[in-house]
């Protein structure tokens, strides 16, 4: 997860595999409080207020954000790419492209699910897709747990596998991962988190991960202490 400069292009689309992208946006922009706007889907013939709401949000943009970067969540528009209101909004963003740069987020949608939206964006703006791989697949999460969280490959692999079960899809986030890691480290007493520590944690019906998985308390020590 590196700080990203959009450069001369108008936008980037962020693929992250998680719904809450605030932390990634802060890292990308290097700002503690980036401007982040969630664009709500508006059905045809209903009153469209998105442009007014966006303008109100960024009216003091020059004072808040020196590089004029706005993060816009377009996840609700996936599946509605041909709607006229989306076209109206993108034409407005096109007109502002000399003043603003955009990071578009799409929640936890996968690359193949955002193709139509990406094509629509490129009709009016110049940009590209970037991917934060931590939560897009098991290998990405395992790599993050090893390199950034200092877990062993075996423990990281087991934990990544659990986070990619269907029960945990809606809970995947850096904040949730941090909470689980904190519980694991507390359980290990600050020592290395081993497979047996992980087993004991998963056997505890009150552990956060166990509650999220909907598991009942189980017997400990499936693995030896290693």
C-alpha atoms as a PDB file:
ATOM      1  CA  UNK A   1       0.000   0.000   0.000  1.00  0.00           C
ATOM      2  CA  UNK A   2       2.096   2.911  -1.279  1.00  0.00           C
ATOM      3  CA  UNK A   3       1.427   6.632  -1.673  1.00  0.00           C
ATOM      4  CA  UNK A   4       0.320   7.126  -5.285  1.00  0.00           C
ATOM      5  CA  UNK A   5       0.527  10.183  -7.515  1.00  0.00           C
ATOM      6  CA  UNK A   6      -2.078  10.385 -10.259  1.00  0.00           C
ATOM      7  CA  UNK A   7       0.296  12.562 -12.271  1.00  0.00           C
ATOM      8  CA  UNK A   8      -1.030  14.021 -15.504  1.00  0.00           C
ATOM      9  CA  UNK A   9      -3.963  11.653 -15.703  1.00  0.00           C
ATOM     10  CA  UNK A  10      -7.389  12.567 -14.394  1.00  0.00           C
ATOM     11  CA  UNK A  11      -8.111   9.519 -12.248  1.00  0.00           C
ATOM     12  CA  UNK A  12      -7.229   6.157 -10.818  1.00  0.00           C
ATOM     13  CA  UNK A  13      -9.695   3.387 -10.014  1.00  0.00           C
ATOM     14  CA  UNK A  14      -8.778   1.587  -6.803  1.00  0.00           C
ATOM     15  CA  UNK A  15      -9.389  -2.166  -6.587  1.00  0.00           C
ATOM     16  CA  UNK A  16      -8.934  -3.324  -3.001  1.00  0.00           C
ATOM     17  CA  UNK A  17     -11.263  -6.270  -2.350  1.00  0.00           C
ATOM     18  CA  UNK A  18     -12.784  -4.502   0.687  1.00  0.00           C
ATOM     19  CA  UNK A  19     -15.752  -2.183   1.173  1.00  0.00           C
ATOM     20  CA  UNK A  20     -14.123   0.380   3.465  1.00  0.00           C
ATOM     21  CA  UNK A  21     -11.270   2.075   1.624  1.00  0.00           C
ATOM     22  CA  UNK A  22     -10.668   5.054   3.917  1.00  0.00           C
ATOM     23  CA  UNK A  23      -7.348   3.766   5.230  1.00  0.00           C
ATOM     24  CA  UNK A  24      -6.039   3.015   1.745  1.00  0.00           C
ATOM     25  CA  UNK A  25      -7.089   6.456   0.515  1.00  0.00           C
ATOM     26  CA  UNK A  26      -5.233   8.081   3.407  1.00  0.00           C
ATOM     27  CA  UNK A  27      -2.131   6.093   2.478  1.00  0.00           C
ATOM     28  CA  UNK A  28      -2.449   6.851  -1.231  1.00  0.00           C
ATOM     29  CA  UNK A  29      -2.872  10.576  -0.747  1.00  0.00           C
ATOM     30  CA  UNK A  30      -0.542  10.903   2.219  1.00  0.00           C
ATOM     31  CA  UNK A  31      -3.286  12.828   4.018  1.00  0.00           C
ATOM     32  CA  UNK A  32      -4.907  12.132   7.369  1.00  0.00           C
ATOM     33  CA  UNK A  33      -8.230  13.641   6.256  1.00  0.00           C
ATOM     34  CA  UNK A  34      -8.649  13.249   2.480  1.00  0.00           C
ATOM     35  CA  UNK A  35     -11.865  14.374   0.823  1.00  0.00           C
ATOM     36  CA  UNK A  36     -13.960  11.239   0.364  1.00  0.00           C
ATOM     37  CA  UNK A  37     -17.397  11.397  -1.260  1.00  0.00           C
ATOM     38  CA  UNK A  38     -19.811   8.477  -1.582  1.00  0.00           C
ATOM     39  CA  UNK A  39     -21.932   8.949  -4.680  1.00  0.00           C
ATOM     40  CA  UNK A  40     -25.392   7.500  -4.100  1.00  0.00           C
ATOM     41  CA  UNK A  41     -27.192   5.768  -6.941  1.00  0.00           C
ATOM     42  CA  UNK A  42     -30.240   7.729  -8.065  1.00  0.00           C
ATOM     43  CA  UNK A  43     -32.870   5.907 -10.160  1.00  0.00           C
ATOM     44  CA  UNK A  44     -34.090   7.546 -13.378  1.00  0.00           C
ATOM     45  CA  UNK A  45     -36.701  10.315 -12.943  1.00  0.00           C
ATOM     46  CA  UNK A  46     -35.897  10.831  -9.261  1.00  0.00           C
ATOM     47  CA  UNK A  47     -34.312  14.074  -8.120  1.00  0.00           C
ATOM     48  CA  UNK A  48     -30.557  13.972  -8.731  1.00  0.00           C
ATOM     49  CA  UNK A  49     -28.647  15.802  -5.974  1.00  0.00           C
ATOM     50  CA  UNK A  50     -25.185  14.284  -6.331  1.00  0.00           C
ATOM     51  CA  UNK A  51     -23.540  17.196  -8.127  1.00  0.00           C
ATOM     52  CA  UNK A  52     -24.813  19.722  -5.595  1.00  0.00           C
ATOM     53  CA  UNK A  53     -23.729  17.502  -2.694  1.00  0.00           C
ATOM     54  CA  UNK A  54     -20.266  17.070  -4.173  1.00  0.00           C
ATOM     55  CA  UNK A  55     -19.872  20.794  -4.776  1.00  0.00           C
ATOM     56  CA  UNK A  56     -20.869  21.544  -1.187  1.00  0.00           C
ATOM     57  CA  UNK A  57     -18.311  19.043   0.060  1.00  0.00           C
ATOM     58  CA  UNK A  58     -15.414  20.491  -1.901  1.00  0.00           C
ATOM     59  CA  UNK A  59     -16.269  24.206  -1.762  1.00  0.00           C
ATOM     60  CA  UNK A  60     -13.213  24.780   0.452  1.00  0.00           C
ATOM     61  CA  UNK A  61     -11.055  22.269  -1.408  1.00  0.00           C
ATOM     62  CA  UNK A  62      -8.126  24.633  -2.028  1.00  0.00           C
ATOM     63  CA  UNK A  63      -7.712  25.195   1.695  1.00  0.00           C
ATOM     64  CA  UNK A  64      -8.163  21.554   2.669  1.00  0.00           C
ATOM     65  CA  UNK A  65      -6.216  19.629   0.060  1.00  0.00           C
ATOM     66  CA  UNK A  66      -3.297  21.273  -1.731  1.00  0.00           C
ATOM     67  CA  UNK A  67      -3.200  18.747  -4.590  1.00  0.00           C
ATOM     68  CA  UNK A  68      -7.000  18.895  -5.103  1.00  0.00           C
ATOM     69  CA  UNK A  69      -7.495  15.129  -5.008  1.00  0.00           C
ATOM     70  CA  UNK A  70     -11.002  13.823  -4.342  1.00  0.00           C
ATOM     71  CA  UNK A  71     -11.866  10.196  -3.601  1.00  0.00           C
ATOM     72  CA  UNK A  72     -15.293   9.272  -4.992  1.00  0.00           C
ATOM     73  CA  UNK A  73     -17.008   5.985  -4.149  1.00  0.00           C
ATOM     74  CA  UNK A  74     -18.878   4.803  -7.263  1.00  0.00           C
ATOM     75  CA  UNK A  75     -19.746   1.325  -6.006  1.00  0.00           C
ATOM     76  CA  UNK A  76     -23.513   1.972  -6.073  1.00  0.00           C
ATOM     77  CA  UNK A  77     -23.343   2.738  -9.800  1.00  0.00           C
ATOM     78  CA  UNK A  78     -22.007  -0.675 -10.766  1.00  0.00           C
ATOM     79  CA  UNK A  79     -24.740  -2.309 -12.815  1.00  0.00           C
ATOM     80  CA  UNK A  80     -26.153   1.106 -13.769  1.00  0.00           C
ATOM     81  CA  UNK A  81     -23.385   2.262 -16.090  1.00  0.00           C
ATOM     82  CA  UNK A  82     -25.766   3.327 -18.873  1.00  0.00           C
ATOM     83  CA  UNK A  83     -27.921   5.531 -16.612  1.00  0.00           C
ATOM     84  CA  UNK A  84     -28.154   9.157 -17.723  1.00  0.00           C
ATOM     85  CA  UNK A  85     -27.401  10.504 -14.243  1.00  0.00           C
ATOM     86  CA  UNK A  86     -24.002   8.815 -14.230  1.00  0.00           C
ATOM     87  CA  UNK A  87     -23.252  10.395 -17.594  1.00  0.00           C
ATOM     88  CA  UNK A  88     -24.257  13.808 -16.228  1.00  0.00           C
ATOM     89  CA  UNK A  89     -21.946  13.377 -13.242  1.00  0.00           C
ATOM     90  CA  UNK A  90     -18.990  12.238 -15.349  1.00  0.00           C
ATOM     91  CA  UNK A  91     -19.434  15.178 -17.714  1.00  0.00           C
ATOM     92  CA  UNK A  92     -19.298  17.466 -14.686  1.00  0.00           C
ATOM     93  CA  UNK A  93     -16.127  15.762 -13.429  1.00  0.00           C
ATOM     94  CA  UNK A  94     -14.676  16.073 -16.927  1.00  0.00           C
ATOM     95  CA  UNK A  95     -15.298  19.827 -16.849  1.00  0.00           C
ATOM     96  CA  UNK A  96     -13.484  20.068 -13.497  1.00  0.00           C
ATOM     97  CA  UNK A  97     -10.514  17.907 -14.489  1.00  0.00           C
ATOM     98  CA  UNK A  98      -8.109  20.866 -14.728  1.00  0.00           C
ATOM     99  CA  UNK A  99      -8.828  21.662 -11.082  1.00  0.00           C
ATOM    100  CA  UNK A 100      -9.470  18.261  -9.493  1.00  0.00           C
ATOM    101  CA  UNK A 101      -7.913  14.806  -9.604  1.00  0.00           C
ATOM    102  CA  UNK A 102      -9.986  11.731  -8.775  1.00  0.00           C
ATOM    103  CA  UNK A 103      -9.528   8.424  -7.016  1.00  0.00           C
ATOM    104  CA  UNK A 104     -12.583   6.276  -7.733  1.00  0.00           C
ATOM    105  CA  UNK A 105     -13.330   3.458  -5.305  1.00  0.00           C
ATOM    106  CA  UNK A 106     -15.648   0.522  -5.997  1.00  0.00           C
ATOM    107  CA  UNK A 107     -15.968  -1.217  -2.635  1.00  0.00           C
ATOM    108  CA  UNK A 108     -15.093  -4.906  -2.712  1.00  0.00           C
ATOM    109  CA  UNK A 109     -16.034  -5.418  -6.374  1.00  0.00           C
ATOM    110  CA  UNK A 110     -13.637  -7.441  -8.507  1.00  0.00           C
ATOM    111  CA  UNK A 111     -11.920  -6.271 -11.682  1.00  0.00           C
ATOM    112  CA  UNK A 112     -14.327  -8.096 -13.990  1.00  0.00           C
ATOM    113  CA  UNK A 113     -17.280  -6.483 -12.207  1.00  0.00           C
ATOM    114  CA  UNK A 114     -16.032  -2.937 -12.788  1.00  0.00           C
ATOM    115  CA  UNK A 115     -15.076  -3.269 -16.469  1.00  0.00           C
ATOM    116  CA  UNK A 116     -18.182  -1.481 -17.768  1.00  0.00           C
ATOM    117  CA  UNK A 117     -17.766   1.316 -15.243  1.00  0.00           C
ATOM    118  CA  UNK A 118     -14.086   1.665 -16.146  1.00  0.00           C
ATOM    119  CA  UNK A 119     -14.953   1.959 -19.840  1.00  0.00           C
ATOM    120  CA  UNK A 120     -17.544   4.606 -18.973  1.00  0.00           C
ATOM    121  CA  UNK A 121     -14.983   6.572 -16.954  1.00  0.00           C
ATOM    122  CA  UNK A 122     -12.441   6.447 -19.772  1.00  0.00           C
ATOM    123  CA  UNK A 123     -15.057   7.834 -22.159  1.00  0.00           C
ATOM    124  CA  UNK A 124     -14.815  11.166 -20.343  1.00  0.00           C
ATOM    125  CA  UNK A 125     -11.551  11.073 -18.385  1.00  0.00           C
ATOM    126  CA  UNK A 126      -8.013   9.729 -18.707  1.00  0.00           C
ATOM    127  CA  UNK A 127      -6.870   7.253 -16.087  1.00  0.00           C
ATOM    128  CA  UNK A 128      -5.964   3.728 -15.056  1.00  0.00           C
ATOM    129  CA  UNK A 129      -6.642   0.993 -12.492  1.00  0.00           C
ATOM    130  CA  UNK A 130      -4.432   0.365  -9.482  1.00  0.00           C
ATOM    131  CA  UNK A 131      -4.750  -2.607  -7.167  1.00  0.00           C
ATOM    132  CA  UNK A 132      -4.094  -2.949  -3.455  1.00  0.00           C
ATOM    133  CA  UNK A 133      -3.527  -6.712  -3.347  1.00  0.00           C
ATOM    134  CA  UNK A 134      -3.807  -7.243   0.417  1.00  0.00           C
ATOM    135  CA  UNK A 135      -7.451  -8.285   0.283  1.00  0.00           C
ATOM    136  CA  UNK A 136      -7.899  -9.228  -3.369  1.00  0.00           C
ATOM    137  CA  UNK A 137      -6.654 -12.796  -2.903  1.00  0.00           C
ATOM    138  CA  UNK A 138      -5.210 -15.162  -0.277  1.00  0.00           C
ATOM    139  CA  UNK A 139      -1.642 -14.821  -1.526  1.00  0.00           C
ATOM    140  CA  UNK A 140      -1.800 -11.037  -1.280  1.00  0.00           C
ATOM    141  CA  UNK A 141      -3.014 -11.167   2.310  1.00  0.00           C
ATOM    142  CA  UNK A 142      -0.448 -13.811   3.235  1.00  0.00           C
ATOM    143  CA  UNK A 143       2.343 -11.673   1.794  1.00  0.00           C
ATOM    144  CA  UNK A 144       1.107  -8.644   3.751  1.00  0.00           C
ATOM    145  CA  UNK A 145       0.929 -10.647   7.001  1.00  0.00           C
ATOM    146  CA  UNK A 146       4.484 -11.890   6.527  1.00  0.00           C
ATOM    147  CA  UNK A 147       6.120  -8.665   5.328  1.00  0.00           C
ATOM    148  CA  UNK A 148       4.199  -6.043   7.309  1.00  0.00           C
ATOM    149  CA  UNK A 149       2.900  -7.952  10.346  1.00  0.00           C
ATOM    150  CA  UNK A 150       5.899 -10.242  10.869  1.00  0.00           C
ATOM    151  CA  UNK A 151       3.937 -13.492  11.027  1.00  0.00           C
ATOM    152  CA  UNK A 152       5.464 -16.777   9.946  1.00  0.00           C
ATOM    153  CA  UNK A 153       4.502 -18.098   6.540  1.00  0.00           C
ATOM    154  CA  UNK A 154       2.466 -20.942   8.040  1.00  0.00           C
ATOM    155  CA  UNK A 155       0.477 -18.768  10.433  1.00  0.00           C
ATOM    156  CA  UNK A 156      -0.005 -16.119   7.747  1.00  0.00           C
ATOM    157  CA  UNK A 157      -1.276 -18.748   5.312  1.00  0.00           C
ATOM    158  CA  UNK A 158      -3.795 -20.149   7.804  1.00  0.00           C
ATOM    159  CA  UNK A 159      -5.032 -16.690   8.758  1.00  0.00           C
ATOM    160  CA  UNK A 160      -5.321 -15.591   5.124  1.00  0.00           C
ATOM    161  CA  UNK A 161      -7.338 -18.713   4.344  1.00  0.00           C
ATOM    162  CA  UNK A 162      -9.769 -17.873   7.157  1.00  0.00           C
ATOM    163  CA  UNK A 163     -10.189 -14.281   6.003  1.00  0.00           C
ATOM    164  CA  UNK A 164     -11.163 -15.523   2.550  1.00  0.00           C
ATOM    165  CA  UNK A 165     -14.007 -17.724   3.733  1.00  0.00           C
ATOM    166  CA  UNK A 166     -17.437 -16.524   2.638  1.00  0.00           C
ATOM    167  CA  UNK A 167     -18.367 -15.764   6.256  1.00  0.00           C
ATOM    168  CA  UNK A 168     -15.688 -13.075   6.480  1.00  0.00           C
ATOM    169  CA  UNK A 169     -16.077 -11.381   3.104  1.00  0.00           C
ATOM    170  CA  UNK A 170     -18.149  -8.480   4.430  1.00  0.00           C
ATOM    171  CA  UNK A 171     -15.813  -8.015   7.413  1.00  0.00           C
ATOM    172  CA  UNK A 172     -12.537  -7.813   5.492  1.00  0.00           C
ATOM    173  CA  UNK A 173     -10.728  -4.593   6.326  1.00  0.00           C
ATOM    174  CA  UNK A 174      -7.408  -3.414   7.679  1.00  0.00           C
ATOM    175  CA  UNK A 175      -9.140  -2.371  10.896  1.00  0.00           C
ATOM    176  CA  UNK A 176     -10.661  -5.829  11.429  1.00  0.00           C
ATOM    177  CA  UNK A 177      -7.339  -7.489  10.634  1.00  0.00           C
ATOM    178  CA  UNK A 178      -5.592  -5.224  13.153  1.00  0.00           C
ATOM    179  CA  UNK A 179      -8.115  -6.217  15.837  1.00  0.00           C
ATOM    180  CA  UNK A 180      -7.623  -9.936  15.192  1.00  0.00           C
ATOM    181  CA  UNK A 181      -3.831  -9.573  15.247  1.00  0.00           C
ATOM    182  CA  UNK A 182      -4.026  -7.660  18.530  1.00  0.00           C
ATOM    183  CA  UNK A 183      -6.033 -10.485  20.119  1.00  0.00           C
ATOM    184  CA  UNK A 184      -3.589 -13.076  18.796  1.00  0.00           C
ATOM    185  CA  UNK A 185      -0.585 -11.208  20.158  1.00  0.00           C
ATOM    186  CA  UNK A 186      -2.263 -10.705  23.517  1.00  0.00           C
ATOM    187  CA  UNK A 187      -2.943 -14.433  23.623  1.00  0.00           C
ATOM    188  CA  UNK A 188       0.704 -15.199  22.862  1.00  0.00           C
ATOM    189  CA  UNK A 189       1.838 -12.843  25.617  1.00  0.00           C
ATOM    190  CA  UNK A 190       3.882 -10.813  23.166  1.00  0.00           C
ATOM    191  CA  UNK A 191       5.805 -13.865  21.982  1.00  0.00           C
ATOM    192  CA  UNK A 192       5.769 -15.237  18.444  1.00  0.00           C
ATOM    193  CA  UNK A 193       2.303 -16.189  17.221  1.00  0.00           C
ATOM    194  CA  UNK A 194       2.569 -19.910  16.448  1.00  0.00           C
ATOM    195  CA  UNK A 195       0.109 -22.304  14.856  1.00  0.00           C
ATOM    196  CA  UNK A 196      -0.811 -23.649  18.289  1.00  0.00           C
ATOM    197  CA  UNK A 197      -1.531 -20.092  19.482  1.00  0.00           C
ATOM    198  CA  UNK A 198      -3.793 -19.652  16.454  1.00  0.00           C
ATOM    199  CA  UNK A 199      -5.539 -22.956  17.208  1.00  0.00           C
ATOM    200  CA  UNK A 200      -6.137 -21.915  20.796  1.00  0.00           C
ATOM    201  CA  UNK A 201      -7.479 -18.588  19.622  1.00  0.00           C
ATOM    202  CA  UNK A 202      -9.904 -20.287  17.237  1.00  0.00           C
ATOM    203  CA  UNK A 203     -11.016 -22.654  20.009  1.00  0.00           C
ATOM    204  CA  UNK A 204     -12.018 -19.669  22.139  1.00  0.00           C
ATOM    205  CA  UNK A 205     -15.672 -19.009  21.376  1.00  0.00           C
ATOM    206  CA  UNK A 206     -15.284 -15.413  22.586  1.00  0.00           C
ATOM    207  CA  UNK A 207     -12.442 -14.539  20.200  1.00  0.00           C
ATOM    208  CA  UNK A 208     -13.318 -11.999  17.534  1.00  0.00           C
ATOM    209  CA  UNK A 209     -12.434 -14.262  14.626  1.00  0.00           C
ATOM    210  CA  UNK A 210     -14.389 -17.162  16.105  1.00  0.00           C
ATOM    211  CA  UNK A 211     -17.446 -14.929  16.535  1.00  0.00           C
ATOM    212  CA  UNK A 212     -17.187 -13.662  12.956  1.00  0.00           C
ATOM    213  CA  UNK A 213     -16.910 -17.202  11.622  1.00  0.00           C
ATOM    214  CA  UNK A 214     -19.895 -18.282  13.701  1.00  0.00           C
ATOM    215  CA  UNK A 215     -17.912 -21.103  15.272  1.00  0.00           C
ATOM    216  CA  UNK A 216     -18.664 -22.780  18.567  1.00  0.00           C
ATOM    217  CA  UNK A 217     -15.832 -23.386  21.068  1.00  0.00           C
ATOM    218  CA  UNK A 218     -13.627 -26.290  19.992  1.00  0.00           C
ATOM    219  CA  UNK A 219     -10.775 -28.320  21.436  1.00  0.00           C
ATOM    220  CA  UNK A 220      -7.377 -26.643  21.289  1.00  0.00           C
ATOM    221  CA  UNK A 221      -4.052 -27.704  19.816  1.00  0.00           C
ATOM    222  CA  UNK A 222      -4.576 -29.061  16.364  1.00  0.00           C
ATOM    223  CA  UNK A 223      -0.932 -28.169  15.659  1.00  0.00           C
ATOM    224  CA  UNK A 224       2.149 -28.661  17.751  1.00  0.00           C
ATOM    225  CA  UNK A 225       3.827 -25.580  19.210  1.00  0.00           C
ATOM    226  CA  UNK A 226       5.889 -24.379  16.253  1.00  0.00           C
END
